Amino acid sequence: MKILNYGSMNIDRVYSVAHTVMPGETILAEGMTVYCGGKGLNQSIAIAKAGGDIYHAGVLGEDGDLLLEALTRHRVDTRYVRRVAGASSHTVIQVDGQGQNCIIVCPGENVRVTDGDIDAVLDGFAAGDMLVLQNELDNTARIMREAAKRGLVPVFNPSPVNQLLAAYPLECVRWFIMNEIEGAAITGETEPAKILSVMAQRYPDASVVLTLGAQGAHCVHGGRAYFQPAFPVKAVDTTAAGDTFTGYLVTGLSQREALPVILERAARASSITVGRKGAADSIPTREELDR
């Protein structure tokens, strides 16, 4: 089963700070490092490191060579990545002494995905293949609809939360992977049990994974509820923790493994990621997990 990730690719500028800056405050950064990132790129690399058959689709600017190289180096198929004039997306990320982060995304013109792009990319996939989506690209609603028409299996990570979510055809989604903030944005509820209950009522054909950081992850699939505890770890940088979980989950689903095994492996992979600095480079390989 092939996996298509139609997703973002960002140049991440990560600043180490004692605390995240407050309104009206000026602070000195303790250091700055440039990484390859974007939820789409992170998730594609996570899928590749987990052993999935992954193809990435999206748009890069003139300065995107390091992003394309990162995908290729991690054995992500990039035949559906289009290059355009202008700058690639970039982010400004603050990481404090406890490993918590806050992120500003500057999307630029390179996230503009046209109808023609979508049709050309989806023509390369067949019914039953998985489609991974986040909320960092334009035209995501059409990608969802077209994928559902063609029989692909849409997997949606509704991040970042913004007003666009209300206009998406979420009935097309077959797997939701989200944290409590994203779950609250879609359902209006804040308690995990209520989020899962509302999701089941509104989207009865979908499965839901609700990640809660150190409190573990809940999953409702096929009428059954699952819980996966988190693995204790000292957090260094939580930037790609959710993307790691998504990548390992999607890979396991594509390989038709048992759901408890998939959830346990995704949780272990995420625990390794938060113990390292950076985004894509902090994601562990399947071989590391097996060791």
Protein backbone atom coordinates (compact mmCIF):
# COMPACT_ATOMS: atom_id res chain seq x y z
CA MET A 1 0.00 0.00 0.00
CA LYS A 2 1.44 3.37 -1.03
CA ILE A 3 1.32 6.46 1.19
CA LEU A 4 0.99 9.95 -0.30
CA ASN A 5 1.72 12.89 1.95
CA TYR A 6 0.45 16.15 0.43
CA GLY A 7 2.17 18.46 2.85
CA SER A 8 4.21 21.47 3.79
CA MET A 9 7.99 21.85 3.78
CA ASN A 10 9.54 24.61 5.89
CA ILE A 11 12.95 25.96 6.74
CA ASP A 12 12.88 26.00 10.56
CA ARG A 13 14.86 28.67 12.39
CA VAL A 14 14.94 27.42 15.98
CA TYR A 15 15.89 29.80 18.80
CA SER A 16 16.86 28.49 22.24
CA VAL A 17 15.42 30.80 24.90
CA ALA A 18 15.11 30.83 28.69
CA HIS A 19 11.37 31.41 28.26
CA THR A 20 9.11 32.21 25.32
CA VAL A 21 8.82 35.92 24.68
CA MET A 22 5.89 37.78 26.25
CA PRO A 23 3.94 40.68 24.68
CA GLY A 24 6.04 43.83 24.74
CA GLU A 25 9.15 41.94 25.85
CA THR A 26 12.55 41.72 24.18
CA ILE A 27 14.81 38.81 25.10
CA LEU A 28 18.17 37.43 24.00
CA ALA A 29 18.30 34.02 22.35
CA GLU A 30 20.82 31.57 23.76
CA GLY A 31 21.42 30.11 20.30
CA MET A 32 19.92 29.56 16.85
CA THR A 33 19.97 26.53 14.56
CA VAL A 34 18.46 25.99 11.10
CA TYR A 35 16.61 22.71 10.51
CA CYS A 36 14.44 21.19 7.81
CA GLY A 37 10.83 21.09 8.97
CA GLY A 38 7.18 21.63 8.22
CA LYS A 39 4.58 19.16 9.41
CA GLY A 40 4.41 17.60 5.98
CA LEU A 41 8.15 17.07 5.63
CA ASN A 42 8.46 15.82 9.22
CA GLN A 43 5.68 13.30 8.75
CA SER A 44 7.03 12.05 5.43
CA ILE A 45 10.45 11.49 6.97
CA ALA A 46 8.85 9.80 9.98
CA ILE A 47 6.95 7.47 7.63
CA ALA A 48 10.17 6.71 5.74
CA LYS A 49 12.10 6.06 8.95
CA ALA A 50 9.29 3.78 10.12
CA GLY A 51 9.58 1.77 6.90
CA GLY A 52 6.61 3.09 4.93
CA ASP A 53 6.35 3.42 1.14
CA ILE A 54 6.06 7.20 1.13
CA TYR A 55 5.66 9.80 -1.65
CA HIS A 56 5.71 13.50 -0.85
CA ALA A 57 3.77 16.12 -2.83
CA GLY A 58 4.04 19.87 -2.43
CA VAL A 59 5.68 23.06 -3.66
CA LEU A 60 9.18 24.40 -2.96
CA GLY A 61 10.76 27.77 -3.62
CA GLU A 62 14.17 28.61 -5.05
CA ASP A 63 15.85 28.22 -1.64
CA GLY A 64 14.37 24.77 -1.06
CA ASP A 65 17.37 22.63 -2.02
CA LEU A 66 18.10 21.63 1.58
CA LEU A 67 14.48 20.52 2.04
CA LEU A 68 14.48 18.43 -1.10
CA GLU A 69 17.84 16.96 -0.13
CA ALA A 70 16.51 16.02 3.31
CA LEU A 71 13.54 14.18 1.84
CA THR A 72 15.72 12.38 -0.69
CA ARG A 73 18.35 11.47 1.90
CA HIS A 74 15.67 9.79 3.99
CA ARG A 75 14.39 7.83 0.98
CA VAL A 76 11.17 9.78 0.49
CA ASP A 77 10.01 9.71 -3.15
CA THR A 78 9.92 13.36 -4.31
CA ARG A 79 8.67 13.02 -7.88
CA TYR A 80 5.53 15.01 -6.93
CA VAL A 81 7.41 17.99 -5.44
CA ARG A 82 7.12 21.06 -7.71
CA ARG A 83 9.64 23.94 -7.72
CA VAL A 84 8.56 27.58 -8.15
CA ALA A 85 10.16 31.02 -8.06
CA GLY A 86 10.32 32.79 -4.72
CA ALA A 87 11.13 31.79 -1.17
CA SER A 88 10.14 28.55 0.53
CA SER A 89 8.02 28.51 3.66
CA HIS A 90 9.88 29.17 6.88
CA THR A 91 9.18 29.13 10.60
CA VAL A 92 10.43 30.92 13.68
CA ILE A 93 10.46 28.51 16.63
CA GLN A 94 11.22 29.33 20.26
CA VAL A 95 12.25 26.41 22.49
CA ASP A 96 12.49 27.09 26.22
CA GLY A 97 14.53 25.41 28.91
CA GLN A 98 11.84 22.79 29.51
CA GLY A 99 11.71 21.77 25.86
CA GLN A 100 8.35 23.42 25.18
CA ASN A 101 7.97 25.35 21.94
CA CYS A 102 5.95 28.03 20.21
CA ILE A 103 5.97 28.39 16.44
CA ILE A 104 5.29 31.10 13.84
CA VAL A 105 4.79 29.85 10.27
CA CYS A 106 5.41 32.16 7.29
CA PRO A 107 3.83 30.18 4.43
CA GLY A 108 4.68 32.35 1.40
CA GLU A 109 3.57 31.61 -2.12
CA ASN A 110 5.03 28.13 -2.23
CA VAL A 111 2.12 26.54 -0.36
CA ARG A 112 -0.25 27.46 -3.18
CA VAL A 113 -1.54 24.18 -4.55
CA THR A 114 -3.55 24.40 -7.78
CA ASP A 115 -6.37 22.18 -9.02
CA GLY A 116 -4.08 20.98 -11.79
CA ASP A 117 -1.41 20.03 -9.24
CA ILE A 118 -3.92 17.98 -7.28
CA ASP A 119 -5.24 16.07 -10.27
CA ALA A 120 -1.76 15.31 -11.59
CA VAL A 121 -0.58 14.01 -8.23
CA LEU A 122 -3.65 11.91 -7.40
CA ASP A 123 -3.50 10.29 -10.84
CA GLY A 124 -0.44 8.44 -9.56
CA PHE A 125 -2.35 6.64 -6.80
CA ALA A 126 -5.13 4.08 -6.57
CA ALA A 127 -8.05 3.15 -4.34
CA GLY A 128 -6.84 1.89 -0.98
CA ASP A 129 -3.67 3.99 -0.93
CA MET A 130 -3.35 6.30 2.08
CA LEU A 131 -3.31 10.10 1.87
CA VAL A 132 -1.82 12.12 4.73
CA LEU A 133 -2.88 15.75 5.12
CA GLN A 134 -2.19 18.56 7.57
CA ASN A 135 -3.58 22.09 7.73
CA GLU A 136 -0.61 24.00 6.28
CA LEU A 137 -1.50 24.03 2.56
CA ASP A 138 -4.02 25.84 0.39
CA ASN A 139 -6.71 23.83 -1.41
CA THR A 140 -6.78 21.09 1.23
CA ALA A 141 -10.56 20.82 0.96
CA ARG A 142 -10.32 19.89 -2.71
CA ILE A 143 -7.54 17.39 -2.02
CA MET A 144 -9.83 15.69 0.53
CA ARG A 145 -12.80 15.54 -1.84
CA GLU A 146 -10.83 14.30 -4.84
CA ALA A 147 -9.02 11.68 -2.79
CA ALA A 148 -12.28 10.38 -1.34
CA LYS A 149 -13.82 10.19 -4.84
CA ARG A 150 -10.89 8.09 -5.99
CA GLY A 151 -11.11 5.71 -3.05
CA LEU A 152 -7.96 6.82 -1.25
CA VAL A 153 -7.91 6.70 2.58
CA PRO A 154 -7.55 10.29 3.87
CA VAL A 155 -5.67 10.69 7.16
CA PHE A 156 -5.97 14.19 8.60
CA ASN A 157 -3.85 15.92 11.23
CA PRO A 158 -5.79 19.20 11.78
CA SER A 159 -2.76 21.29 12.69
CA PRO A 160 -2.30 24.18 12.93
CA VAL A 161 -5.76 25.14 14.19
CA ASN A 162 -7.33 28.02 12.28
CA GLN A 163 -10.61 29.16 10.73
CA LEU A 164 -10.12 27.00 7.63
CA LEU A 165 -11.05 23.83 9.53
CA ALA A 166 -14.73 24.78 9.60
CA ALA A 167 -14.90 24.71 5.79
CA TYR A 168 -13.24 21.34 5.26
CA PRO A 169 -15.30 18.29 4.16
CA LEU A 170 -14.28 16.32 7.24
CA GLU A 171 -16.79 13.60 6.38
CA CYS A 172 -14.22 12.50 3.77
CA VAL A 173 -11.61 11.75 6.44
CA ARG A 174 -11.11 8.13 7.56
CA TRP A 175 -8.48 8.72 10.25
CA PHE A 176 -8.15 11.79 12.47
CA ILE A 177 -4.87 12.19 14.38
CA MET A 178 -5.04 15.19 16.71
CA ASN A 179 -4.13 16.56 20.11
CA GLU A 180 -6.56 18.01 22.64
CA ILE A 181 -6.29 21.56 21.24
CA GLU A 182 -7.14 20.38 17.73
CA GLY A 183 -9.88 18.12 19.09
CA ALA A 184 -11.41 21.04 20.96
CA ALA A 185 -11.34 23.20 17.82
CA ILE A 186 -13.33 20.61 15.88
CA THR A 187 -15.76 19.48 18.60
CA GLY A 188 -16.06 22.44 20.97
CA GLU A 189 -15.23 20.09 23.87
CA THR A 190 -12.15 20.07 26.07
CA GLU A 191 -12.40 16.78 27.97
CA PRO A 192 -10.84 13.85 26.10
CA ALA A 193 -13.85 11.57 26.61
CA LYS A 194 -16.22 14.23 25.29
CA ILE A 195 -13.98 14.98 22.30
CA LEU A 196 -13.98 11.30 21.34
CA SER A 197 -17.73 11.01 21.87
CA VAL A 198 -18.54 14.00 19.64
CA MET A 199 -16.15 12.79 16.95
CA ALA A 200 -17.85 9.39 16.93
CA GLN A 201 -21.27 11.02 16.56
CA ARG A 202 -20.28 13.44 13.81
CA TYR A 203 -17.94 11.19 11.84
CA PRO A 204 -19.13 7.60 12.40
CA ASP A 205 -17.10 6.29 9.44
CA ALA A 206 -13.82 7.66 10.81
CA SER A 207 -11.34 6.42 13.38
CA VAL A 208 -9.85 8.90 15.84
CA VAL A 209 -6.51 9.06 17.64
CA LEU A 210 -6.32 11.70 20.38
CA THR A 211 -2.78 12.34 21.62
CA LEU A 212 -2.32 13.88 25.07
CA GLY A 213 1.45 14.19 25.43
CA ALA A 214 2.63 12.77 28.75
CA GLN A 215 -0.93 11.53 29.40
CA GLY A 216 -0.73 9.06 26.52
CA ALA A 217 -3.05 8.57 23.57
CA HIS A 218 -6.65 7.40 23.11
CA CYS A 219 -7.92 5.72 19.97
CA VAL A 220 -11.41 4.76 18.83
CA HIS A 221 -11.46 2.40 15.86
CA GLY A 222 -14.10 -0.03 14.64
CA GLY A 223 -16.27 0.59 17.68
CA ARG A 224 -13.45 -0.28 20.11
CA ALA A 225 -11.52 2.01 22.43
CA TYR A 226 -7.75 1.75 22.97
CA PHE A 227 -5.38 3.55 25.32
CA GLN A 228 -1.62 3.83 24.91
CA PRO A 229 0.38 5.23 27.86
CA ALA A 230 3.26 7.57 27.16
CA PHE A 231 6.85 6.53 27.87
CA PRO A 232 8.48 8.77 30.51
CA VAL A 233 11.34 10.86 29.12
CA LYS A 234 13.06 14.17 29.86
CA ALA A 235 11.81 16.57 27.17
CA VAL A 236 14.46 18.48 25.25
CA ASP A 237 12.41 19.65 22.24
CA THR A 238 8.80 18.64 21.55
CA THR A 239 8.72 20.12 18.03
CA ALA A 240 8.28 16.90 16.00
CA ALA A 241 6.74 14.64 18.64
CA GLY A 242 3.27 14.66 17.08
CA ASP A 243 4.67 14.25 13.57
CA THR A 244 6.67 11.23 14.71
CA PHE A 245 3.56 9.65 16.23
CA THR A 246 1.62 10.31 13.03
CA GLY A 247 4.35 8.86 10.82
CA TYR A 248 4.66 5.65 12.78
CA LEU A 249 0.90 5.27 13.09
CA VAL A 250 0.29 5.72 9.36
CA THR A 251 3.08 3.30 8.49
CA GLY A 252 1.66 0.64 10.77
CA LEU A 253 -1.80 1.09 9.30
CA SER A 254 -0.44 0.81 5.76
CA GLN A 255 1.25 -2.43 6.71
CA ARG A 256 -1.95 -3.73 8.35
CA GLU A 257 -0.38 -4.39 11.73
CA ALA A 258 -2.42 -4.85 14.90
CA LEU A 259 -3.53 -1.50 16.31
CA PRO A 260 -2.12 -2.03 19.86
CA VAL A 261 1.28 -2.79 18.30
CA ILE A 262 1.06 0.31 16.11
CA LEU A 263 0.15 2.60 19.01
CA GLU A 264 2.91 1.24 21.25
CA ARG A 265 5.55 1.72 18.57
CA ALA A 266 4.32 5.25 17.78
CA ALA A 267 4.51 6.17 21.46
CA ARG A 268 8.04 4.80 21.79
CA ALA A 269 9.19 6.68 18.70
CA SER A 270 7.71 9.93 20.00
CA SER A 271 9.43 9.49 23.35
CA ILE A 272 12.80 9.31 21.58
CA THR A 273 12.01 12.38 19.46
CA VAL A 274 11.25 14.67 22.42
CA GLY A 275 14.59 13.74 23.96
CA ARG A 276 16.47 15.27 21.04
CA LYS A 277 16.78 18.74 19.54
CA GLY A 278 15.38 19.58 16.11
CA ALA A 279 12.50 18.35 14.00
CA ALA A 280 13.06 15.87 11.17
CA ASP A 281 16.56 14.90 12.30
CA SER A 282 15.30 14.02 15.78
CA ILE A 283 12.93 11.31 14.52
CA PRO A 284 14.23 7.78 15.22
CA THR A 285 14.44 4.99 12.66
CA ARG A 286 12.65 1.68 12.97
CA GLU A 287 16.04 0.04 13.57
CA GLU A 288 16.62 2.31 16.59
CA LEU A 289 13.28 1.29 18.06
CA ASP A 290 14.02 -2.38 17.53
CA ARG A 291 17.33 -1.97 19.39
